Protein backbone atom coordinates (compact mmCIF):
# COMPACT_ATOMS: atom_id res chain seq x y z
CA MET A 1 226.87 87.32 51.91
CA SER A 2 225.62 89.22 54.90
CA SER A 3 224.11 92.65 54.43
CA SER A 4 226.83 94.17 56.61
CA SER A 5 229.53 92.57 54.46
CA SER A 6 227.89 93.87 51.30
CA ARG A 7 227.76 97.36 52.77
CA ARG A 8 231.47 97.26 53.54
CA ARG A 9 232.61 97.15 49.95
CA LYS A 10 229.87 99.47 48.67
CA SER A 11 230.97 102.09 51.18
CA VAL A 12 234.51 101.93 49.80
CA SER A 13 233.46 102.68 46.24
CA ALA A 14 231.06 105.37 47.39
CA SER A 15 233.71 107.23 49.37
CA ASN A 16 235.27 110.05 47.39
CA VAL A 17 236.63 111.84 50.43
CA MET A 18 240.23 110.85 49.71
CA LEU A 19 242.45 108.01 48.72
CA THR A 20 243.45 105.73 51.56
CA ASN A 21 244.94 107.66 54.46
CA ALA A 22 245.20 105.31 57.41
CA VAL A 23 246.45 105.22 60.97
CA TYR A 24 247.31 102.49 63.43
CA PHE A 25 245.58 102.88 66.80
CA PRO A 26 246.98 100.51 69.47
CA ASN A 27 244.58 99.54 72.24
CA TYR A 28 247.01 100.33 75.07
CA LYS A 29 246.46 104.04 74.40
CA ILE A 30 243.13 103.66 76.21
CA TYR A 31 245.04 103.48 79.49
CA SER A 32 246.68 106.89 78.93
CA GLY A 33 243.34 108.58 78.25
CA ALA A 34 243.65 108.57 74.47
CA SER A 35 240.75 107.40 72.34
CA PRO A 36 239.79 106.95 68.69
CA GLY A 37 237.45 109.93 69.03
CA MET A 38 240.44 112.27 69.34
CA MET A 39 241.51 111.67 65.75
CA ASN A 40 240.59 113.87 62.80
CA TYR A 41 238.34 111.88 60.47
CA SER A 42 238.06 114.65 57.92
CA CYS A 43 241.34 113.31 56.54
CA ILE A 44 241.54 109.77 57.91
CA ASN A 45 239.51 107.07 56.25
CA HIS A 46 241.01 103.85 57.57
CA VAL A 47 241.96 102.78 61.10
CA TYR A 48 243.98 99.69 61.92
CA TYR A 49 243.04 98.70 65.47
CA ALA A 50 246.02 96.94 67.06
CA PHE A 51 246.51 94.32 68.14
CA ALA A 52 244.59 91.09 68.24
CA ASN A 53 246.64 88.07 69.28
CA VAL A 54 246.99 84.71 67.60
CA ALA A 55 247.44 81.43 69.46
CA ALA A 56 249.49 78.43 68.37
CA ASP A 57 246.27 76.61 67.37
CA GLY A 58 245.47 79.39 64.90
CA SER A 59 242.72 81.04 66.92
CA VAL A 60 242.56 84.84 66.87
CA PHE A 61 241.41 86.75 69.94
CA LEU A 62 241.36 90.26 71.36
CA SER A 63 244.52 91.03 73.30
CA ASP A 64 242.79 93.17 75.95
CA GLU A 65 239.07 92.57 76.42
CA TRP A 66 238.72 95.44 78.89
CA ALA A 67 240.38 98.08 76.71
CA ASP A 68 238.73 96.74 73.56
CA THR A 69 235.15 96.24 74.73
CA GLN A 70 234.59 97.48 78.30
CA ALA A 71 236.61 100.60 79.13
CA PRO A 72 234.71 103.92 79.08
CA CYS A 73 235.71 105.43 75.75
CA ASP A 74 234.12 108.32 73.83
CA GLY A 75 230.80 107.74 75.59
CA VAL A 76 230.63 104.05 74.73
CA GLN A 77 232.41 100.89 75.84
CA GLY A 78 235.88 100.03 74.61
CA GLY A 79 238.13 101.18 71.82
CA LEU A 80 236.33 98.95 69.36
CA GLY A 81 232.98 100.27 70.52
CA SER A 82 234.22 103.79 69.90
CA LEU A 83 235.36 102.95 66.38
CA MET A 84 232.07 101.25 65.53
CA HIS A 85 230.27 104.38 66.75
CA LEU A 86 232.60 106.56 64.69
CA LYS A 87 231.85 104.47 61.60
CA GLN A 88 228.21 105.51 61.93
CA LYS A 89 229.18 109.18 62.14
CA HIS A 90 231.73 108.95 59.31
CA PRO A 91 230.41 106.69 56.52
CA HIS A 92 233.76 106.80 54.71
CA LEU A 93 235.60 105.25 57.68
CA GLN A 94 236.85 101.67 57.44
CA VAL A 95 238.14 99.76 60.47
CA THR A 96 240.26 96.63 60.37
CA ILE A 97 241.78 94.59 63.17
CA SER A 98 245.56 94.27 63.05
CA ILE A 99 246.63 90.79 64.11
CA GLY A 100 250.08 90.07 65.48
CA GLY A 101 252.74 92.67 66.13
CA GLY A 102 256.14 92.13 67.66
CA ASN A 103 254.93 89.38 70.00
CA SER A 104 253.74 87.17 67.13
CA SER A 105 257.04 86.55 65.37
CA GLU A 106 257.26 83.03 66.84
CA THR A 107 253.59 82.10 66.40
CA PHE A 108 252.99 83.11 62.78
CA PRO A 109 255.67 80.78 61.35
CA ILE A 110 254.04 77.82 63.12
CA ILE A 111 250.54 78.64 61.89
CA ALA A 112 251.54 79.56 58.36
CA SER A 113 253.48 76.32 57.84
CA ASP A 114 250.48 74.05 58.45
CA VAL A 115 247.46 73.84 56.15
CA LEU A 116 245.00 73.06 58.96
CA LEU A 117 246.30 75.87 61.17
CA ARG A 118 246.09 78.31 58.27
CA ASP A 119 242.44 77.39 57.81
CA SER A 120 241.80 77.71 61.55
CA PHE A 121 243.40 81.16 61.54
CA ALA A 122 241.31 82.33 58.61
CA ARG A 123 238.03 81.04 60.09
CA SER A 124 238.79 82.54 63.50
CA ALA A 125 239.79 85.88 62.01
CA ARG A 126 236.54 86.09 60.07
CA GLY A 127 234.57 85.25 63.19
CA LEU A 128 236.22 88.07 65.12
CA VAL A 129 235.65 90.55 62.30
CA GLU A 130 231.98 89.69 61.92
CA ALA A 131 231.32 89.65 65.66
CA SER A 132 232.71 93.16 66.07
CA GLY A 133 231.43 94.72 62.85
CA MET A 134 234.85 95.50 61.42
CA ASP A 135 235.80 95.57 57.75
CA GLY A 136 238.68 93.11 57.59
CA ILE A 137 242.08 92.18 58.94
CA ASP A 138 245.65 93.40 58.79
CA ILE A 139 248.37 90.76 59.17
CA ASN A 140 251.28 92.11 61.16
CA TRP A 141 253.82 89.28 61.05
CA GLU A 142 257.18 90.81 61.95
CA TYR A 143 258.47 89.36 59.58
CA PRO A 144 259.00 86.30 57.32
CA MET A 145 262.72 85.77 57.91
CA ASP A 146 263.64 83.26 55.19
CA PRO A 147 262.27 82.05 51.83
CA GLN A 148 260.31 79.19 53.43
CA GLN A 149 258.57 81.57 55.80
CA GLY A 150 257.95 83.86 52.83
CA ALA A 151 256.25 81.03 50.94
CA ASP A 152 254.22 80.16 54.03
CA PHE A 153 253.19 83.81 54.34
CA VAL A 154 251.71 83.75 50.84
CA ALA A 155 249.98 80.43 51.60
CA LEU A 156 248.46 82.04 54.70
CA LEU A 157 247.15 84.93 52.60
CA ALA A 158 245.58 82.46 50.17
CA ALA A 159 243.82 80.66 53.03
CA VAL A 160 242.60 83.95 54.46
CA ARG A 161 241.05 84.96 51.15
CA VAL A 162 238.99 81.77 51.07
CA HIS A 163 237.17 82.91 54.21
CA LEU A 164 237.48 86.68 53.78
CA PRO A 165 236.72 87.18 50.07
CA GLU A 166 237.81 90.36 48.36
CA GLU A 167 234.24 91.40 47.56
CA GLN A 168 233.41 91.63 51.26
CA PHE A 169 236.52 92.17 53.36
CA PHE A 170 239.78 94.07 53.49
CA VAL A 171 242.94 92.03 53.89
CA THR A 172 246.19 93.96 54.30
CA ALA A 173 249.68 93.22 55.58
CA ALA A 174 252.50 95.26 57.06
CA LEU A 175 255.91 94.75 55.46
CA PRO A 176 259.23 96.54 55.96
CA ALA A 177 261.09 98.57 53.35
CA SER A 178 264.22 96.47 53.85
CA ARG A 179 265.14 94.39 50.82
CA SER A 180 266.75 91.80 53.10
CA ILE A 181 263.23 90.90 54.29
CA LEU A 182 261.26 91.59 51.13
CA HIS A 183 263.40 89.23 49.05
CA ASN A 184 261.99 86.33 51.11
CA ILE A 185 258.49 86.99 49.75
CA ASP A 186 256.90 86.50 46.35
CA VAL A 187 255.67 90.08 46.23
CA ALA A 188 253.44 89.62 43.18
CA GLN A 189 251.63 86.67 44.75
CA ALA A 190 251.24 88.47 48.07
CA ALA A 191 249.87 91.56 46.32
CA TYR A 192 247.37 89.38 44.45
CA TYR A 193 245.69 88.45 47.73
CA LEU A 194 246.06 91.80 49.50
CA ASP A 195 244.15 95.05 49.25
CA TYR A 196 247.17 96.97 50.54
CA ILE A 197 250.74 96.45 51.58
CA ASN A 198 251.48 98.79 54.46
CA LEU A 199 255.12 99.63 53.79
CA ALA A 200 256.80 100.41 57.11
CA ALA A 201 259.11 103.08 55.69
CA TYR A 202 260.70 103.97 59.02
CA ASP A 203 262.94 102.57 61.76
CA PHE A 204 265.79 102.38 59.27
CA CYS A 205 268.11 103.10 62.18
CA GLY A 206 267.96 103.34 65.95
CA PRO A 207 269.66 102.17 69.15
CA TRP A 208 270.56 98.89 67.43
CA SER A 209 272.51 100.69 64.67
CA GLN A 210 276.28 101.02 64.67
CA ARG A 211 276.04 104.53 63.26
CA SER A 212 273.59 107.41 63.40
CA GLY A 213 271.28 107.93 60.45
CA HIS A 214 267.91 109.13 59.27
CA GLN A 215 265.14 106.79 60.39
CA ALA A 216 262.58 107.48 57.65
CA GLN A 217 264.28 109.16 54.70
CA LEU A 218 262.35 109.32 51.46
CA TYR A 219 265.36 108.88 49.18
CA SER A 220 268.67 107.04 49.45
CA MET A 221 272.07 108.64 48.95
CA SER A 222 273.52 105.28 47.88
CA LYS A 223 272.11 102.14 46.29
CA ASP A 224 272.76 100.09 49.41
CA GLU A 225 270.89 102.46 51.71
CA THR A 226 267.29 101.70 52.69
CA SER A 227 264.72 104.43 52.12
CA ALA A 228 261.01 104.78 51.50
CA SER A 229 261.57 105.05 47.76
CA SER A 230 263.87 102.02 47.66
CA GLY A 231 261.17 99.96 49.38
CA VAL A 232 258.51 101.19 46.96
CA SER A 233 260.78 100.52 43.98
CA TYR A 234 261.42 96.97 45.15
CA LEU A 235 257.72 96.22 45.56
CA VAL A 236 256.80 97.68 42.18
CA SER A 237 259.66 95.98 40.33
CA HIS A 238 258.56 92.66 41.81
CA GLY A 239 254.94 92.90 40.74
CA CYS A 240 253.01 94.97 43.29
CA PRO A 241 250.65 97.56 41.75
CA THR A 242 251.44 101.04 43.04
CA ARG A 243 247.81 101.59 44.08
CA LYS A 244 248.21 98.78 46.62
CA ILE A 245 251.13 100.41 48.43
CA LEU A 246 250.51 102.59 51.47
CA LEU A 247 253.60 104.55 52.49
CA GLY A 248 254.21 104.49 56.23
CA ILE A 249 255.09 107.70 58.07
CA PRO A 250 256.30 107.64 61.70
CA LEU A 251 254.87 109.98 64.31
CA TYR A 252 257.99 109.99 66.47
CA GLY A 253 261.69 110.75 66.26
CA ARG A 254 264.78 108.66 67.03
CA SER A 255 267.68 110.11 69.00
CA PHE A 256 271.47 109.77 68.74
CA LEU A 257 273.37 111.47 71.54
CA GLY A 258 276.72 113.18 71.11
CA VAL A 259 276.54 113.51 67.32
CA SER A 260 275.47 116.26 64.95
CA GLY A 261 274.11 114.25 62.06
CA PRO A 262 274.07 110.90 60.25
CA GLY A 263 277.11 108.70 59.75
CA HIS A 264 278.64 108.96 63.22
CA ARG A 265 279.39 106.12 65.63
CA ASN A 266 276.37 105.43 67.80
CA LYS A 267 277.12 106.72 71.31
CA GLY A 268 273.70 106.16 72.84
CA ALA A 269 270.21 107.62 72.69
CA GLY A 270 268.14 110.21 74.50
CA GLY A 271 264.47 110.11 75.37
CA GLU A 272 262.61 106.95 76.34
CA ASP A 273 264.20 104.02 74.50
CA GLY A 274 265.71 106.51 72.07
CA ILE A 275 262.28 107.92 71.18
CA PHE A 276 260.86 111.44 71.26
CA GLU A 277 257.19 112.04 70.46
CA TYR A 278 256.55 114.32 67.51
CA ASN A 279 254.82 116.95 69.60
CA THR A 280 258.00 117.39 71.65
CA LEU A 281 260.07 118.11 68.53
CA PRO A 282 262.20 119.96 67.77
CA ARG A 283 263.79 119.71 71.20
CA ARG A 284 264.22 122.89 73.24
CA HIS A 285 267.40 124.76 72.25
CA ALA A 286 267.79 122.53 69.19
CA LYS A 287 268.00 123.69 65.58
CA GLU A 288 265.61 122.06 63.13
CA ALA A 289 266.62 121.33 59.54
CA VAL A 290 265.18 119.59 56.50
CA ASP A 291 267.43 117.79 54.03
CA LYS A 292 265.44 118.15 50.83
CA ARG A 293 267.84 115.91 48.91
CA ILE A 294 266.61 112.87 50.82
CA GLY A 295 263.33 114.06 52.34
CA ALA A 296 264.31 113.89 56.01
CA ALA A 297 263.90 116.25 58.96
CA SER A 298 266.06 116.45 62.06
CA CYS A 299 267.06 118.66 64.93
CA VAL A 300 270.45 119.00 66.59
CA GLY A 301 271.15 120.19 70.12
CA GLY A 302 269.36 120.15 73.44
CA ASP A 303 268.84 116.90 75.28
CA GLY A 304 268.31 114.75 72.19
CA GLY A 305 271.55 115.20 70.33
CA PHE A 306 270.71 114.40 66.71
CA VAL A 307 267.01 113.50 66.41
CA THR A 308 265.64 112.22 63.10
CA TYR A 309 261.92 112.44 62.30
CA ASP A 310 259.26 113.62 59.86
CA ASN A 311 257.80 117.12 59.99
CA PRO A 312 255.17 118.86 57.83
CA ASP A 313 257.79 119.71 55.18
CA THR A 314 258.89 116.12 54.72
CA VAL A 315 255.30 114.85 54.85
CA LYS A 316 254.50 117.21 51.98
CA MET A 317 257.46 115.78 50.06
CA LYS A 318 256.20 112.28 50.71
CA ALA A 319 252.68 113.28 49.67
CA ALA A 320 254.06 114.62 46.39
CA TYR A 321 256.00 111.40 45.93
CA CYS A 322 252.83 109.36 46.55
CA LYS A 323 251.03 111.42 43.94
CA GLN A 324 253.84 111.04 41.42
CA LYS A 325 254.04 107.27 41.88
CA GLY A 326 250.29 106.66 42.14
CA LEU A 327 250.46 105.15 45.60
CA GLY A 328 247.45 104.35 47.70
CA VAL A 329 248.47 106.85 49.69
CA SER A 330 249.77 106.67 53.25
CA PHE A 331 249.41 105.43 56.79
CA TYR A 332 250.69 106.82 60.06
CA ASP A 333 252.42 104.80 62.73
CA SER A 334 251.06 106.18 65.99
CA PHE A 335 252.42 103.45 68.25
CA ARG A 336 254.43 106.10 70.02
CA ASP A 337 251.93 108.17 71.95
CA PRO A 338 250.77 111.14 69.81
CA PHE A 339 248.08 112.09 72.30
CA LYS A 340 249.42 114.66 74.73
CA LYS A 341 247.63 117.09 77.01
CA SER A 342 249.88 120.08 76.43
CA VAL A 343 247.31 122.51 77.81
CA PRO A 344 245.10 121.55 80.78
CA GLY A 345 241.72 120.30 79.61
CA ARG A 346 242.66 120.25 75.97
CA CYS A 347 244.00 117.23 74.09
CA PHE A 348 246.32 117.68 71.17
CA THR A 349 247.02 115.02 68.63
CA MET A 350 249.76 115.07 66.08
CA LEU A 351 247.55 112.99 63.91
CA PRO A 352 246.46 115.35 61.21
CA THR A 353 245.19 118.81 62.05
CA ALA A 354 245.35 120.06 58.48
CA SER A 355 244.83 118.64 55.01
CA LEU A 356 247.12 119.10 52.07
CA THR A 357 245.42 118.93 48.68
CA LEU A 358 247.54 117.77 45.75
CA ASP A 359 245.30 117.90 42.69
CA ASN A 360 243.02 114.87 43.21
CA TYR A 361 245.02 113.61 46.16
CA ARG A 362 244.05 114.57 49.66
CA VAL A 363 246.42 113.53 52.38
CA CYS A 364 247.02 114.74 55.90
CA SER A 365 249.98 116.56 57.30
CA THR A 366 251.18 115.55 60.73
CA GLY A 367 251.25 119.14 61.93
CA LEU A 368 250.48 119.78 65.55
CA ASP A 369 248.32 122.55 66.83
CA PRO A 370 250.60 125.61 66.45
CA LEU A 371 250.39 126.30 70.19
CA THR A 372 252.06 123.00 70.92
CA ARG A 373 254.87 123.45 68.42
CA GLU A 374 255.58 127.00 69.54
CA LYS A 375 256.39 125.79 73.03
CA ASN A 376 259.10 123.53 71.68
CA LEU A 377 260.52 126.19 69.37
CA GLU A 378 261.10 128.67 72.17
CA ALA A 379 264.74 129.39 72.88
């Protein structure tokens, strides 16, 4: 075991700053002037750097060498260079490389179905982690679509653990809250190999949906409706320890034009691809509301129609839920750009600007700087 690998796990046990509160940072943000240094590490202790790519031969490689290792970023070179520098400043910070994403849905099934390719993937992933000084990998296969792919997914995790042992490295995976996907996977076996399952408890509806709905509701109004809690319940009932579940929270809203709430025929979407960034919500001239029955925020009116999202009130509800259930705690999906220059010369991030303490739990709210929100609340 290398000294750096030994330090990785020791630093986890030594960190009493908070339970796991993670965020995905995609490397393309570098091109818009965003950087890892803009995030608030007083209440973030794990960053998933996305994405590395995987080839059909199982090899894992950085998807953008310039953004990852060469671009000027926080006084050093590349997004990865910035994060390695931040790890020195914040000893509690862990950084893992997220492998895959939406472009890997065809490659992962090929690799996972072959024992030699699984081994190649695991060896290559370890090489990338050790070369960069990261703490492990996150597997972002979107998603195993049938029982055979589910079995291959677990076999891939087993191969990964041979080369990235639990004592030295983090291994996590992103999975959706949808039971139609989760039922393809032996959850108990997957959880055995994983440190965390990052439960993507969002994108329950969108432009693809026949009807409008809440995209990240905490609770379901019916047993057939997907929600964060239904996803958690499925994982737990199928053998995943609650401490291994990180509840995903989106940092963006989804729009449905021409409707005033959920349950209406989808007539189209506002914004870019139906998306509004959190720091532009609620929309101007729109009325914001929180449905406390299901833990969902929305605004109606303005140019977005009905926009569904999370706000500080619903994040607090989800934090309380995490505490009640003993979850690991949460991660934030920042793939939609949360880094906006709302005031010249000053960058705002809707990644946490405040901490919410719940007994021994410390999690972050997604509240913006009040100056930014006030602009959007003006009539």
